[in-house]
């Protein structure tokens, strides 16, 4: 289902599948990348402002990107990313939460110097099973243009 830069339209939307975040996932990520007590220690997390273990925001961002990648929409056209903007962690993600991502294309810019590619800008909303946003971010993707 690969899509090329020229095949997207501003305002177009798509949705990913779902994934559940488990306590084991939260603990493993925290040990390796974000060892704050409310991510790493269930007892300390109970004493935190969250009252329970929560996933790192970076883990949530990465999990959602995996869901985005798994749609296949960028699989054959992605050339990387120059970055993202407007990252907001809106609500803690806890073990047992199921997340999915809604996407809306907000900009398309063909490269003037490299005609084989361009940048698509996409607003992503990561939602829990209740449909409440837990994270928002605007990402840029460098995509190939269809040749021929």
N, C-alpha and C. Protein backbone atom coordinates (compact mmCIF):
# COMPACT_ATOMS: atom_id res chain seq x y z
N UNK A 1 0.82 -1.19 0.00
CA UNK A 1 0.00 0.00 0.00
C UNK A 1 0.87 1.26 0.00
N UNK A 2 2.07 1.16 -0.51
CA UNK A 2 2.96 2.32 -0.55
C UNK A 2 2.32 3.49 -1.28
N UNK A 3 2.50 4.66 -0.71
CA UNK A 3 2.02 5.89 -1.33
C UNK A 3 3.22 6.80 -1.56
N UNK A 4 3.22 7.49 -2.67
CA UNK A 4 4.27 8.44 -3.00
C UNK A 4 3.78 9.85 -2.71
N UNK A 5 4.71 10.78 -2.63
CA UNK A 5 4.39 12.15 -2.27
C UNK A 5 3.21 12.70 -3.07
N UNK A 6 3.24 12.48 -4.38
CA UNK A 6 2.23 13.04 -5.27
C UNK A 6 0.85 12.42 -5.11
N UNK A 7 0.77 11.33 -4.35
CA UNK A 7 -0.50 10.63 -4.19
C UNK A 7 -1.24 11.04 -2.92
N UNK A 8 -0.69 11.98 -2.19
CA UNK A 8 -1.34 12.49 -0.98
C UNK A 8 -2.00 13.83 -1.30
N UNK A 9 -2.99 14.19 -0.49
CA UNK A 9 -3.65 15.49 -0.62
C UNK A 9 -3.77 16.11 0.78
N UNK A 10 -3.58 17.41 0.85
CA UNK A 10 -3.77 18.12 2.11
C UNK A 10 -5.21 17.89 2.57
N UNK A 11 -5.37 17.56 3.84
CA UNK A 11 -6.68 17.27 4.41
C UNK A 11 -7.01 15.79 4.45
N UNK A 12 -6.26 14.99 3.72
CA UNK A 12 -6.48 13.55 3.72
C UNK A 12 -6.19 12.98 5.11
N UNK A 13 -6.96 11.96 5.49
CA UNK A 13 -6.81 11.35 6.81
C UNK A 13 -6.65 9.84 6.68
N UNK A 14 -5.95 9.26 7.64
CA UNK A 14 -5.90 7.80 7.76
C UNK A 14 -5.73 7.43 9.23
N UNK A 15 -6.06 6.19 9.54
CA UNK A 15 -6.01 5.68 10.91
C UNK A 15 -5.22 4.39 10.94
N UNK A 16 -4.50 4.18 12.03
CA UNK A 16 -3.72 2.96 12.20
C UNK A 16 -4.52 1.89 12.91
N UNK A 17 -3.92 0.72 13.04
CA UNK A 17 -4.44 -0.32 13.91
C UNK A 17 -4.13 0.03 15.36
N UNK A 18 -4.42 -0.89 16.25
CA UNK A 18 -4.22 -0.66 17.68
C UNK A 18 -3.06 -1.49 18.22
N UNK A 19 -2.52 -1.04 19.35
CA UNK A 19 -1.53 -1.81 20.10
C UNK A 19 -1.77 -1.58 21.58
N UNK A 20 -1.55 -2.62 22.36
CA UNK A 20 -1.66 -2.51 23.81
C UNK A 20 -0.28 -2.35 24.40
N UNK A 21 -0.17 -1.48 25.37
CA UNK A 21 1.09 -1.31 26.09
C UNK A 21 0.98 -2.08 27.40
N UNK A 22 1.97 -2.91 27.67
CA UNK A 22 1.95 -3.75 28.86
C UNK A 22 2.93 -3.22 29.91
N UNK A 23 2.75 -3.71 31.13
CA UNK A 23 3.69 -3.32 32.19
C UNK A 23 5.10 -3.77 31.84
N UNK A 24 5.25 -4.96 31.29
CA UNK A 24 6.58 -5.46 30.91
C UNK A 24 7.23 -4.53 29.88
N UNK A 25 6.45 -4.04 28.92
CA UNK A 25 6.98 -3.11 27.92
C UNK A 25 7.44 -1.81 28.58
N UNK A 26 6.62 -1.30 29.50
CA UNK A 26 6.94 -0.05 30.19
C UNK A 26 8.24 -0.20 30.97
N UNK A 27 8.36 -1.29 31.72
CA UNK A 27 9.56 -1.51 32.54
C UNK A 27 10.81 -1.69 31.69
N UNK A 28 10.70 -2.46 30.61
CA UNK A 28 11.86 -2.69 29.74
C UNK A 28 12.34 -1.40 29.10
N UNK A 29 11.41 -0.59 28.59
CA UNK A 29 11.79 0.68 27.97
C UNK A 29 12.43 1.60 29.01
N UNK A 30 11.83 1.67 30.19
CA UNK A 30 12.35 2.54 31.26
C UNK A 30 13.76 2.12 31.65
N UNK A 31 14.00 0.83 31.79
CA UNK A 31 15.35 0.37 32.15
C UNK A 31 16.38 0.83 31.13
N UNK A 32 16.02 0.76 29.86
CA UNK A 32 16.98 1.09 28.80
C UNK A 32 17.08 2.57 28.48
N UNK A 33 15.99 3.32 28.59
CA UNK A 33 15.98 4.67 28.03
C UNK A 33 15.46 5.79 28.92
N UNK A 34 14.61 5.51 29.87
CA UNK A 34 13.99 6.58 30.65
C UNK A 34 13.74 6.11 32.08
N UNK A 35 14.82 5.99 32.88
CA UNK A 35 14.69 5.36 34.19
C UNK A 35 14.14 6.25 35.30
N UNK A 36 13.17 7.06 34.99
CA UNK A 36 12.52 7.84 36.04
C UNK A 36 11.65 6.89 36.87
N UNK A 37 11.57 7.12 38.18
CA UNK A 37 10.88 6.18 39.07
C UNK A 37 9.44 5.85 38.68
N UNK A 38 8.69 6.82 38.15
CA UNK A 38 7.29 6.54 37.79
C UNK A 38 7.16 5.71 36.52
N UNK A 39 8.29 5.46 35.81
CA UNK A 39 8.32 4.55 34.67
C UNK A 39 8.91 3.20 35.06
N UNK A 40 9.74 3.19 36.09
CA UNK A 40 10.60 2.05 36.37
C UNK A 40 10.23 1.26 37.63
N UNK A 41 9.58 1.90 38.57
CA UNK A 41 9.35 1.28 39.88
C UNK A 41 7.87 1.41 40.26
N UNK A 42 7.13 0.30 40.21
CA UNK A 42 5.69 0.37 40.53
C UNK A 42 5.39 0.95 41.92
N UNK A 43 6.23 0.68 42.89
CA UNK A 43 5.99 1.21 44.24
C UNK A 43 6.22 2.72 44.25
N UNK A 44 7.32 3.17 43.68
CA UNK A 44 7.59 4.61 43.62
C UNK A 44 6.52 5.31 42.78
N UNK A 45 6.03 4.65 41.74
CA UNK A 45 5.00 5.25 40.88
C UNK A 45 3.72 5.51 41.66
N UNK A 46 3.40 4.63 42.64
CA UNK A 46 2.21 4.84 43.46
C UNK A 46 2.31 6.13 44.27
N UNK A 47 3.51 6.51 44.62
CA UNK A 47 3.74 7.72 45.41
C UNK A 47 3.89 8.98 44.54
N UNK A 48 3.92 8.78 43.23
CA UNK A 48 4.10 9.90 42.30
C UNK A 48 2.77 10.62 42.04
N UNK A 49 2.82 11.69 41.30
CA UNK A 49 1.60 12.42 40.95
C UNK A 49 0.68 11.59 40.05
N UNK A 50 1.21 10.48 39.46
CA UNK A 50 0.42 9.65 38.56
C UNK A 50 -0.31 8.52 39.29
N UNK A 51 0.18 8.13 40.46
CA UNK A 51 -0.48 7.11 41.26
C UNK A 51 -0.28 5.69 40.77
N UNK A 52 0.37 5.53 39.64
CA UNK A 52 0.61 4.20 39.07
C UNK A 52 1.74 4.33 38.05
N UNK A 53 2.27 3.19 37.65
CA UNK A 53 3.30 3.15 36.63
C UNK A 53 2.75 3.74 35.32
N UNK A 54 3.55 4.57 34.66
CA UNK A 54 3.15 5.12 33.35
C UNK A 54 4.27 4.91 32.34
N UNK A 55 3.88 4.85 31.08
CA UNK A 55 4.85 4.71 30.00
C UNK A 55 5.58 6.03 29.79
N UNK A 56 6.83 5.92 29.39
CA UNK A 56 7.58 7.11 28.98
C UNK A 56 6.89 7.73 27.76
N UNK A 57 6.87 9.04 27.70
CA UNK A 57 6.33 9.71 26.52
C UNK A 57 7.08 9.33 25.26
N UNK A 58 8.40 9.10 25.40
CA UNK A 58 9.20 8.69 24.24
C UNK A 58 8.79 7.30 23.76
N UNK A 59 8.44 6.43 24.70
CA UNK A 59 7.96 5.11 24.35
C UNK A 59 6.62 5.21 23.61
N UNK A 60 5.74 6.06 24.10
CA UNK A 60 4.45 6.27 23.45
C UNK A 60 4.65 6.79 22.03
N UNK A 61 5.54 7.75 21.87
CA UNK A 61 5.84 8.30 20.55
C UNK A 61 6.33 7.20 19.61
N UNK A 62 7.26 6.37 20.10
CA UNK A 62 7.83 5.30 19.27
C UNK A 62 6.79 4.22 18.95
N UNK A 63 5.98 3.85 19.92
CA UNK A 63 4.95 2.84 19.68
C UNK A 63 3.97 3.32 18.61
N UNK A 64 3.56 4.57 18.70
CA UNK A 64 2.66 5.12 17.69
C UNK A 64 3.29 5.17 16.32
N UNK A 65 4.60 5.50 16.27
CA UNK A 65 5.26 5.52 14.97
C UNK A 65 5.28 4.12 14.37
N UNK A 66 5.47 3.12 15.21
CA UNK A 66 5.42 1.74 14.70
C UNK A 66 4.05 1.45 14.09
N UNK A 67 2.98 1.89 14.75
CA UNK A 67 1.64 1.70 14.20
C UNK A 67 1.49 2.42 12.86
N UNK A 68 2.04 3.62 12.78
CA UNK A 68 2.00 4.38 11.53
C UNK A 68 2.75 3.63 10.44
N UNK A 69 3.95 3.15 10.77
CA UNK A 69 4.76 2.41 9.79
C UNK A 69 4.02 1.16 9.33
N UNK A 70 3.37 0.47 10.26
CA UNK A 70 2.69 -0.78 9.93
C UNK A 70 1.51 -0.60 9.00
N UNK A 71 1.03 0.62 8.79
CA UNK A 71 -0.03 0.83 7.80
C UNK A 71 0.50 0.55 6.40
N UNK A 72 1.82 0.66 6.21
CA UNK A 72 2.43 0.44 4.90
C UNK A 72 2.43 1.66 4.01
N UNK A 73 1.83 2.74 4.47
CA UNK A 73 1.66 3.91 3.62
C UNK A 73 3.00 4.54 3.20
N UNK A 74 4.01 4.43 4.05
CA UNK A 74 5.32 5.01 3.72
C UNK A 74 6.37 3.96 3.36
N UNK A 75 6.02 2.69 3.40
CA UNK A 75 6.99 1.60 3.33
C UNK A 75 7.93 1.67 2.12
N UNK A 76 7.43 1.98 0.95
CA UNK A 76 8.28 2.00 -0.23
C UNK A 76 8.73 3.38 -0.66
N UNK A 77 8.27 4.41 0.05
CA UNK A 77 8.58 5.77 -0.39
C UNK A 77 9.36 6.58 0.64
N UNK A 78 9.48 6.09 1.86
CA UNK A 78 10.15 6.86 2.91
C UNK A 78 11.64 6.99 2.65
N UNK A 79 12.13 8.21 2.82
CA UNK A 79 13.56 8.49 2.73
C UNK A 79 14.05 9.09 4.04
N UNK A 80 13.28 8.92 5.10
CA UNK A 80 13.65 9.46 6.41
C UNK A 80 12.78 10.63 6.80
N UNK A 81 13.29 11.39 7.77
CA UNK A 81 12.53 12.52 8.29
C UNK A 81 13.48 13.61 8.76
N UNK A 82 13.15 14.86 8.45
CA UNK A 82 13.95 15.97 8.99
C UNK A 82 13.55 16.36 10.41
N UNK A 83 12.48 15.72 10.95
CA UNK A 83 12.12 16.02 12.33
C UNK A 83 10.63 16.13 12.55
N UNK A 84 10.30 16.66 13.74
CA UNK A 84 8.91 16.85 14.09
C UNK A 84 8.78 18.10 14.94
N UNK A 85 7.55 18.58 15.04
CA UNK A 85 7.24 19.80 15.79
C UNK A 85 6.03 19.55 16.67
N UNK A 86 5.85 20.45 17.62
CA UNK A 86 4.61 20.52 18.39
C UNK A 86 4.28 19.23 19.13
N UNK A 87 5.30 18.54 19.65
CA UNK A 87 5.07 17.33 20.42
C UNK A 87 4.47 17.70 21.77
N UNK A 88 3.34 17.06 22.08
CA UNK A 88 2.67 17.29 23.36
C UNK A 88 2.24 15.96 23.95
N UNK A 89 2.64 15.74 25.21
CA UNK A 89 2.15 14.59 25.97
C UNK A 89 0.97 15.09 26.77
N UNK A 90 -0.22 14.64 26.43
CA UNK A 90 -1.45 15.19 26.98
C UNK A 90 -2.01 14.42 28.17
N UNK A 91 -1.72 13.13 28.20
CA UNK A 91 -2.33 12.27 29.22
C UNK A 91 -1.42 11.06 29.44
N UNK A 92 -1.22 10.65 30.69
CA UNK A 92 -0.37 9.47 30.93
C UNK A 92 -0.93 8.21 30.27
N UNK A 93 -0.01 7.37 29.81
CA UNK A 93 -0.36 6.08 29.23
C UNK A 93 0.04 5.02 30.24
N UNK A 94 -0.91 4.16 30.58
CA UNK A 94 -0.71 3.15 31.63
C UNK A 94 -0.76 1.74 31.04
N UNK A 95 -0.22 0.80 31.77
CA UNK A 95 -0.28 -0.60 31.35
C UNK A 95 -1.74 -0.99 31.10
N UNK A 96 -1.96 -1.68 30.00
CA UNK A 96 -3.31 -2.08 29.62
C UNK A 96 -3.98 -1.13 28.66
N UNK A 97 -3.43 0.08 28.50
CA UNK A 97 -4.01 1.02 27.53
C UNK A 97 -3.79 0.50 26.11
N UNK A 98 -4.80 0.68 25.29
CA UNK A 98 -4.69 0.35 23.85
C UNK A 98 -4.70 1.66 23.09
N UNK A 99 -3.74 1.81 22.22
CA UNK A 99 -3.58 3.06 21.48
C UNK A 99 -3.74 2.83 19.98
N UNK A 100 -4.22 3.86 19.31
CA UNK A 100 -4.17 3.92 17.85
C UNK A 100 -3.87 5.37 17.48
N UNK A 101 -3.56 5.59 16.22
CA UNK A 101 -3.15 6.92 15.77
C UNK A 101 -4.04 7.36 14.61
N UNK A 102 -4.49 8.61 14.69
CA UNK A 102 -5.20 9.23 13.58
C UNK A 102 -4.27 10.26 12.95
N UNK A 103 -4.23 10.29 11.64
CA UNK A 103 -3.32 11.16 10.90
C UNK A 103 -4.08 12.06 9.95
N UNK A 104 -3.58 13.29 9.80
CA UNK A 104 -4.13 14.21 8.80
C UNK A 104 -2.97 14.91 8.10
N UNK A 105 -2.96 14.84 6.78
CA UNK A 105 -1.93 15.52 5.99
C UNK A 105 -2.19 17.02 6.07
N UNK A 106 -1.17 17.77 6.52
CA UNK A 106 -1.34 19.22 6.68
C UNK A 106 -0.42 20.03 5.76
N UNK A 107 0.45 19.35 5.02
CA UNK A 107 1.30 20.08 4.08
C UNK A 107 2.05 19.13 3.17
N UNK A 108 2.26 19.56 1.94
CA UNK A 108 3.01 18.79 0.95
C UNK A 108 3.91 19.77 0.20
N UNK A 109 5.21 19.52 0.23
CA UNK A 109 6.16 20.42 -0.42
C UNK A 109 7.13 19.64 -1.29
N UNK A 110 6.94 19.62 -2.61
CA UNK A 110 7.91 18.98 -3.48
C UNK A 110 9.25 19.73 -3.40
N UNK A 111 10.34 18.99 -3.44
CA UNK A 111 11.66 19.61 -3.40
C UNK A 111 11.93 20.35 -4.71
N UNK A 112 12.48 21.56 -4.60
CA UNK A 112 12.85 22.31 -5.80
C UNK A 112 14.20 21.88 -6.36
N UNK A 113 15.08 21.39 -5.48
CA UNK A 113 16.42 21.02 -5.92
C UNK A 113 16.57 19.52 -6.22
N UNK A 114 15.67 18.71 -5.67
CA UNK A 114 15.74 17.26 -5.88
C UNK A 114 14.36 16.78 -6.32
N UNK A 115 14.12 16.71 -7.61
CA UNK A 115 12.78 16.43 -8.12
C UNK A 115 12.25 15.04 -7.82
N UNK A 116 13.09 14.15 -7.29
CA UNK A 116 12.64 12.80 -6.99
C UNK A 116 11.98 12.67 -5.62
N UNK A 117 11.87 13.80 -4.88
CA UNK A 117 11.36 13.72 -3.50
C UNK A 117 10.69 15.01 -3.06
N UNK A 118 10.15 14.96 -1.85
CA UNK A 118 9.55 16.13 -1.22
C UNK A 118 9.24 15.81 0.23
N UNK A 119 8.63 16.77 0.90
CA UNK A 119 8.30 16.59 2.31
C UNK A 119 6.79 16.67 2.50
N UNK A 120 6.28 15.69 3.21
CA UNK A 120 4.88 15.69 3.62
C UNK A 120 4.87 15.98 5.12
N UNK A 121 3.97 16.83 5.54
CA UNK A 121 3.82 17.17 6.96
C UNK A 121 2.48 16.60 7.41
N UNK A 122 2.52 15.83 8.51
CA UNK A 122 1.33 15.11 8.96
C UNK A 122 1.10 15.38 10.45
N UNK A 123 -0.13 15.75 10.79
CA UNK A 123 -0.51 15.92 12.20
C UNK A 123 -1.03 14.58 12.70
N UNK A 124 -0.43 14.09 13.77
CA UNK A 124 -0.83 12.81 14.36
C UNK A 124 -1.46 13.05 15.72
N UNK A 125 -2.54 12.31 15.96
CA UNK A 125 -3.18 12.27 17.29
C UNK A 125 -3.16 10.82 17.75
N UNK A 126 -2.49 10.58 18.87
CA UNK A 126 -2.46 9.25 19.47
C UNK A 126 -3.62 9.18 20.45
N UNK A 127 -4.47 8.18 20.29
CA UNK A 127 -5.70 8.09 21.09
C UNK A 127 -5.74 6.79 21.88
N UNK A 128 -6.32 6.86 23.07
CA UNK A 128 -6.52 5.65 23.85
C UNK A 128 -7.85 5.00 23.44
N UNK A 129 -8.19 3.90 24.10
CA UNK A 129 -9.40 3.15 23.71
C UNK A 129 -10.68 3.94 23.91
N UNK A 130 -10.65 4.99 24.73
CA UNK A 130 -11.82 5.84 24.93
C UNK A 130 -11.88 6.97 23.89
N UNK A 131 -10.89 7.00 23.00
CA UNK A 131 -10.84 8.04 21.99
C UNK A 131 -10.28 9.35 22.50
N UNK A 132 -9.66 9.31 23.69
CA UNK A 132 -9.08 10.52 24.27
C UNK A 132 -7.63 10.65 23.82
N UNK A 133 -7.22 11.84 23.39
CA UNK A 133 -5.84 12.01 22.94
C UNK A 133 -4.85 11.92 24.10
N UNK A 134 -3.77 11.17 23.87
CA UNK A 134 -2.69 11.06 24.85
C UNK A 134 -1.42 11.75 24.37
N UNK A 135 -1.31 11.97 23.07
CA UNK A 135 -0.13 12.60 22.48
C UNK A 135 -0.53 13.22 21.15
N UNK A 136 0.03 14.38 20.85
CA UNK A 136 -0.11 14.97 19.52
C UNK A 136 1.27 15.40 19.04
N UNK A 137 1.47 15.33 17.74
CA UNK A 137 2.75 15.71 17.15
C UNK A 137 2.54 15.97 15.66
N UNK A 138 3.31 16.88 15.11
CA UNK A 138 3.34 17.11 13.66
C UNK A 138 4.69 16.61 13.17
N UNK A 139 4.67 15.59 12.32
CA UNK A 139 5.90 15.00 11.79
C UNK A 139 6.06 15.35 10.32
N UNK A 140 7.32 15.45 9.93
CA UNK A 140 7.66 15.63 8.52
C UNK A 140 8.30 14.34 8.02
N UNK A 141 7.93 13.92 6.83
CA UNK A 141 8.48 12.72 6.22
C UNK A 141 9.00 13.10 4.84
N UNK A 142 10.22 12.68 4.54
CA UNK A 142 10.74 12.84 3.19
C UNK A 142 10.27 11.63 2.40
N UNK A 143 9.49 11.89 1.34
CA UNK A 143 8.95 10.80 0.53
C UNK A 143 9.41 10.91 -0.91
N UNK A 144 9.60 9.75 -1.52
CA UNK A 144 9.89 9.71 -2.95
C UNK A 144 8.65 10.16 -3.74
N UNK A 145 8.92 10.74 -4.89
CA UNK A 145 7.85 11.03 -5.84
C UNK A 145 7.77 9.86 -6.80
N UNK A 146 6.59 9.62 -7.32
CA UNK A 146 6.45 8.52 -8.29
C UNK A 146 7.19 8.91 -9.57
N UNK A 147 7.99 8.01 -10.03
CA UNK A 147 8.76 8.25 -11.25
C UNK A 147 8.01 7.72 -12.46
N UNK A 148 8.09 8.45 -13.54
CA UNK A 148 7.53 7.91 -14.77
C UNK A 148 6.29 8.52 -15.19
